[in-house]
Amino acid sequence: MAIARKLDNTGAALITDLHTLSMEVIDPHAETGTAAADGQLLHLSCRVALERPRIRSTPERRKRLSDSLIGGDASHNAGMLARDPHFWDFLQQINLMAYEGEIDTRRARHFINRVCGVNGRYDFEHCCDAAMRYFTLIEQPFLDWLLAEDED
């Protein structure tokens, strides 16, 4: 049995079942896609089943990370996530671009900037839309994945 949860006004949905956690993101404003007979655009989507965190961790460590993100601003939280091995593990699983080697701080930073449409994390302080994209498309799905193991 799968449960789908729509994420705030972004077109993203978080889909969970007993064994997998997936994130599906569809940009309703994208010009890409194939026009259907009725003129509406069709979007290509890919569903990726995420595994449990692969790095050795404890429920306390995951909870501490989650608590440290709550209430923080997007700039601070993005910097913290880019340096965290749990986030690197998450990116290894969801990033459909092939990277040569492991995800590291630089690649995690690049991913966050690309998804949020910013040049650097300090742009979040000047662009509320980018900060909202960070919280909705990066932080919340990451936290859902990170804490899913503790709900069993």
Protein backbone atom coordinates (compact mmCIF):
# COMPACT_ATOMS: atom_id res chain seq x y z
CA MET A 1 0.00 0.00 0.00
CA ALA A 2 1.46 3.37 -1.00
CA ILE A 3 0.68 6.75 0.53
CA ALA A 4 1.12 9.91 -1.55
CA ARG A 5 1.48 13.27 0.16
CA LYS A 6 1.42 16.47 -1.89
CA LEU A 7 4.15 18.92 -0.87
CA ASP A 8 3.11 22.59 -0.57
CA ASN A 9 2.24 24.24 -3.91
CA THR A 10 5.29 22.87 -5.74
CA GLY A 11 3.86 20.02 -7.75
CA ALA A 12 6.07 17.65 -5.76
CA ALA A 13 4.68 14.55 -4.14
CA LEU A 14 6.26 12.31 -1.55
CA ILE A 15 5.24 8.69 -2.05
CA THR A 16 5.86 6.15 0.68
CA ASP A 17 4.99 2.55 1.27
CA LEU A 18 6.23 -0.04 3.72
CA HIS A 19 9.60 -0.54 2.04
CA THR A 20 10.38 2.44 -0.16
CA LEU A 21 10.40 6.21 -0.06
CA SER A 22 10.22 8.04 -3.39
CA MET A 23 9.99 11.66 -4.43
CA GLU A 24 8.32 12.75 -7.63
CA VAL A 25 8.79 16.35 -8.79
CA ILE A 26 6.94 17.77 -11.75
CA ASP A 27 7.46 21.38 -12.74
CA PRO A 28 4.09 22.62 -14.02
CA HIS A 29 5.76 25.65 -15.60
CA ALA A 30 8.34 23.72 -17.62
CA GLU A 31 8.14 24.16 -21.35
CA THR A 32 9.43 20.65 -21.92
CA GLY A 33 7.14 17.76 -22.67
CA THR A 34 5.07 16.49 -25.54
CA ALA A 35 1.82 18.14 -26.52
CA ALA A 36 -1.17 15.82 -26.22
CA ALA A 37 -4.02 15.86 -28.70
CA ASP A 38 -5.93 18.29 -26.48
CA GLY A 39 -2.94 20.70 -26.40
CA GLN A 40 -1.85 20.04 -22.82
CA LEU A 41 1.81 19.27 -22.15
CA LEU A 42 2.74 15.80 -21.01
CA HIS A 43 5.68 15.59 -18.59
CA LEU A 44 8.18 12.80 -18.29
CA SER A 45 8.62 11.70 -14.71
CA CYS A 46 10.89 9.15 -13.12
CA ARG A 47 10.20 7.36 -9.86
CA VAL A 48 13.23 6.30 -7.83
CA ALA A 49 12.93 3.92 -4.87
CA LEU A 50 15.15 5.14 -2.05
CA GLU A 51 16.96 2.78 0.28
CA ARG A 52 17.49 3.24 3.98
CA PRO A 53 20.47 5.41 4.94
CA ARG A 54 23.62 3.43 4.14
CA ILE A 55 26.01 5.20 6.47
CA ARG A 56 26.37 4.00 10.02
CA SER A 57 24.27 6.23 12.18
CA THR A 58 22.12 6.19 15.28
CA PRO A 59 18.55 7.39 15.78
CA GLU A 60 19.94 10.01 18.17
CA ARG A 61 22.34 11.37 15.51
CA ARG A 62 19.54 11.57 12.93
CA LYS A 63 17.21 13.28 15.42
CA ARG A 64 19.94 15.76 16.41
CA LEU A 65 20.47 16.65 12.73
CA SER A 66 16.73 17.06 12.21
CA ASP A 67 16.42 19.26 15.31
CA SER A 68 19.34 21.45 14.23
CA LEU A 69 17.55 22.24 10.94
CA ILE A 70 14.21 23.20 12.51
CA GLY A 71 13.72 26.95 12.58
CA GLY A 72 16.94 27.73 10.70
CA ASP A 73 17.01 29.94 7.64
CA ALA A 74 17.58 28.44 4.20
CA SER A 75 21.11 29.85 3.85
CA HIS A 76 22.35 28.37 7.13
CA ASN A 77 20.56 25.03 6.65
CA ALA A 78 21.80 24.64 3.06
CA GLY A 79 25.37 25.13 4.25
CA MET A 80 24.89 22.58 7.02
CA LEU A 81 23.30 19.98 4.72
CA ALA A 82 25.98 20.37 2.05
CA ARG A 83 28.58 19.23 4.63
CA ASP A 84 26.57 16.34 6.11
CA PRO A 85 27.32 12.70 5.10
CA HIS A 86 23.64 11.76 5.60
CA PHE A 87 22.70 14.30 2.92
CA TRP A 88 25.43 12.96 0.63
CA ASP A 89 23.92 9.48 1.01
CA PHE A 90 20.49 10.90 0.14
CA LEU A 91 21.89 12.63 -2.96
CA GLN A 92 23.66 9.46 -4.12
CA GLN A 93 20.22 7.88 -4.29
CA ILE A 94 18.07 10.66 -5.77
CA ASN A 95 20.46 12.44 -8.11
CA LEU A 96 19.85 11.10 -11.58
CA MET A 97 22.98 12.81 -12.96
CA ALA A 98 25.94 10.47 -13.02
CA TYR A 99 28.82 11.79 -10.95
CA GLU A 100 32.30 10.41 -11.22
CA GLY A 101 32.99 9.28 -7.67
CA GLU A 102 31.27 10.06 -4.42
CA ILE A 103 29.12 13.03 -3.53
CA ASP A 104 31.06 15.55 -1.45
CA THR A 105 30.47 19.04 -0.08
CA ARG A 106 31.16 20.75 -3.41
CA ARG A 107 28.81 18.49 -5.36
CA ALA A 108 26.11 18.74 -2.69
CA ARG A 109 26.37 22.55 -2.82
CA HIS A 110 26.14 22.46 -6.61
CA PHE A 111 23.03 20.26 -6.43
CA ILE A 112 21.29 22.58 -3.93
CA ASN A 113 22.12 25.66 -6.03
CA ARG A 114 20.91 24.03 -9.25
CA VAL A 115 17.61 22.79 -7.80
CA CYS A 116 16.86 26.11 -6.10
CA GLY A 117 18.00 28.30 -9.00
CA VAL A 118 20.61 30.27 -7.06
CA ASN A 119 24.30 31.03 -7.55
CA GLY A 120 25.13 30.48 -3.88
CA ARG A 121 23.40 29.87 -0.60
CA TYR A 122 23.49 33.58 0.33
CA ASP A 123 21.03 34.22 -2.53
CA PHE A 124 18.38 32.60 -0.30
CA GLU A 125 18.48 35.72 1.88
CA HIS A 126 17.30 37.86 -1.05
CA CYS A 127 14.93 35.50 -2.85
CA CYS A 128 11.97 34.12 -0.91
CA ASP A 129 10.98 31.83 -3.81
CA ALA A 130 14.42 30.18 -3.80
CA ALA A 131 14.23 29.70 -0.03
CA MET A 132 10.79 28.11 -0.39
CA ARG A 133 12.14 25.78 -3.11
CA TYR A 134 14.97 24.80 -0.76
CA PHE A 135 12.62 23.94 2.11
CA THR A 136 10.09 22.13 -0.12
CA LEU A 137 12.28 20.32 -2.65
CA ILE A 138 15.44 19.65 -0.64
CA GLU A 139 15.12 19.88 3.14
CA GLN A 140 11.66 18.37 3.73
CA PRO A 141 12.14 15.32 1.45
CA PHE A 142 15.58 14.77 2.99
CA LEU A 143 14.19 14.88 6.54
CA ASP A 144 11.31 12.57 5.60
CA TRP A 145 13.84 10.08 4.24
CA LEU A 146 16.25 10.50 7.15
CA LEU A 147 13.62 9.95 9.83
CA ALA A 148 11.65 7.23 7.98
CA GLU A 149 13.97 4.57 9.41
CA ASP A 150 13.13 5.63 12.95
CA GLU A 151 9.37 5.24 12.39
CA ASP A 152 9.59 1.43 12.02
